[in-house]
Amino acid sequence: MILVFAIILRALVLFATEAVPVDVTAIGIMLALLVVEPISTMLVDWGLLATPVYVLGWRAAR
């Protein structure tokens, strides 16, 4: 959950400063949020994380 908040905070900073064009920022944030769950699930399978990160809500425990 902290990772998702960090991505959103980064998006707000990039939108406010316009260091990167707004459309590129929006697409980058969308892609970052899409890949968080599959990558975190893979890291759990490898034993590097205790629980996966779910972006869209809570899931039942395995």
C-alpha atoms as a PDB file:
ATOM      1  CA  MET A   1       0.000   0.000   0.000  1.00  0.00           C
ATOM      2  CA  ILE A   2       2.882   2.350   0.730  1.00  0.00           C
ATOM      3  CA  LEU A   3       4.231   1.635  -2.747  1.00  0.00           C
ATOM      4  CA  VAL A   4       0.956   2.709  -4.349  1.00  0.00           C
ATOM      5  CA  PHE A   5       0.912   5.913  -2.294  1.00  0.00           C
ATOM      6  CA  ALA A   6       4.509   6.584  -3.330  1.00  0.00           C
ATOM      7  CA  ILE A   7       3.572   6.202  -7.006  1.00  0.00           C
ATOM      8  CA  ILE A   8       0.624   8.579  -6.577  1.00  0.00           C
ATOM      9  CA  LEU A   9       2.756  11.095  -4.683  1.00  0.00           C
ATOM     10  CA  ARG A  10       5.349  10.936  -7.445  1.00  0.00           C
ATOM     11  CA  ALA A  11       2.572  11.546  -9.984  1.00  0.00           C
ATOM     12  CA  LEU A  12       1.378  14.625  -8.112  1.00  0.00           C
ATOM     13  CA  VAL A  13       4.901  16.039  -8.004  1.00  0.00           C
ATOM     14  CA  LEU A  14       5.417  15.391 -11.711  1.00  0.00           C
ATOM     15  CA  PHE A  15       2.053  16.935 -12.583  1.00  0.00           C
ATOM     16  CA  ALA A  16       2.764  20.013 -10.457  1.00  0.00           C
ATOM     17  CA  THR A  17       6.298  20.631 -11.690  1.00  0.00           C
ATOM     18  CA  GLU A  18       5.708  19.488 -15.280  1.00  0.00           C
ATOM     19  CA  ALA A  19       9.283  18.193 -15.411  1.00  0.00           C
ATOM     20  CA  VAL A  20       7.905  15.576 -17.813  1.00  0.00           C
ATOM     21  CA  PRO A  21       4.976  16.373 -20.149  1.00  0.00           C
ATOM     22  CA  VAL A  22       1.598  15.682 -18.553  1.00  0.00           C
ATOM     23  CA  ASP A  23       0.579  13.004 -21.065  1.00  0.00           C
ATOM     24  CA  VAL A  24       3.846  11.107 -20.583  1.00  0.00           C
ATOM     25  CA  THR A  25       3.414  11.336 -16.801  1.00  0.00           C
ATOM     26  CA  ALA A  26      -0.135   9.971 -17.012  1.00  0.00           C
ATOM     27  CA  ILE A  27       0.883   7.023 -19.183  1.00  0.00           C
ATOM     28  CA  GLY A  28       3.897   6.279 -16.984  1.00  0.00           C
ATOM     29  CA  ILE A  29       1.831   6.275 -13.803  1.00  0.00           C
ATOM     30  CA  MET A  30      -0.794   4.062 -15.426  1.00  0.00           C
ATOM     31  CA  LEU A  31       1.872   1.560 -16.474  1.00  0.00           C
ATOM     32  CA  ALA A  32       3.520   1.660 -13.050  1.00  0.00           C
ATOM     33  CA  LEU A  33       0.230   0.865 -11.326  1.00  0.00           C
ATOM     34  CA  LEU A  34      -0.492  -1.939 -13.814  1.00  0.00           C
ATOM     35  CA  VAL A  35       2.811  -3.741 -13.229  1.00  0.00           C
ATOM     36  CA  VAL A  36       2.937  -3.410  -9.412  1.00  0.00           C
ATOM     37  CA  GLU A  37       0.682  -6.396  -8.754  1.00  0.00           C
ATOM     38  CA  PRO A  38       2.273  -8.946 -11.136  1.00  0.00           C
ATOM     39  CA  ILE A  39       5.802  -8.008 -10.069  1.00  0.00           C
ATOM     40  CA  SER A  40       4.960  -8.134  -6.364  1.00  0.00           C
ATOM     41  CA  THR A  41       3.288 -11.533  -6.832  1.00  0.00           C
ATOM     42  CA  MET A  42       6.424 -12.779  -8.563  1.00  0.00           C
ATOM     43  CA  LEU A  43       8.573 -11.451  -5.697  1.00  0.00           C
ATOM     44  CA  VAL A  44       6.361 -13.301  -3.186  1.00  0.00           C
ATOM     45  CA  ASP A  45       6.860 -16.531  -5.149  1.00  0.00           C
ATOM     46  CA  TRP A  46      10.627 -15.978  -4.996  1.00  0.00           C
ATOM     47  CA  GLY A  47      10.434 -15.348  -1.252  1.00  0.00           C
ATOM     48  CA  LEU A  48      11.514 -11.692  -1.385  1.00  0.00           C
ATOM     49  CA  LEU A  49       8.187 -10.244  -0.146  1.00  0.00           C
ATOM     50  CA  ALA A  50       5.846 -11.532   2.535  1.00  0.00           C
ATOM     51  CA  THR A  51       2.596 -10.517   0.809  1.00  0.00           C
ATOM     52  CA  PRO A  52       1.817  -9.187  -2.658  1.00  0.00           C
ATOM     53  CA  VAL A  53       0.759  -5.583  -3.264  1.00  0.00           C
ATOM     54  CA  TYR A  54      -2.808  -5.271  -4.555  1.00  0.00           C
ATOM     55  CA  VAL A  55      -3.681  -1.998  -6.266  1.00  0.00           C
ATOM     56  CA  LEU A  56      -7.445  -2.393  -6.657  1.00  0.00           C
ATOM     57  CA  GLY A  57      -8.416  -3.707  -3.241  1.00  0.00           C
ATOM     58  CA  TRP A  58      -8.045  -6.565  -0.836  1.00  0.00           C
ATOM     59  CA  ARG A  59      -7.809 -10.139  -1.963  1.00  0.00           C
ATOM     60  CA  ALA A  60      -8.361 -13.301   0.028  1.00  0.00           C
ATOM     61  CA  ALA A  61      -5.255 -14.815   1.537  1.00  0.00           C
ATOM     62  CA  ARG A  62      -3.853 -17.881  -0.204  1.00  0.00           C
END
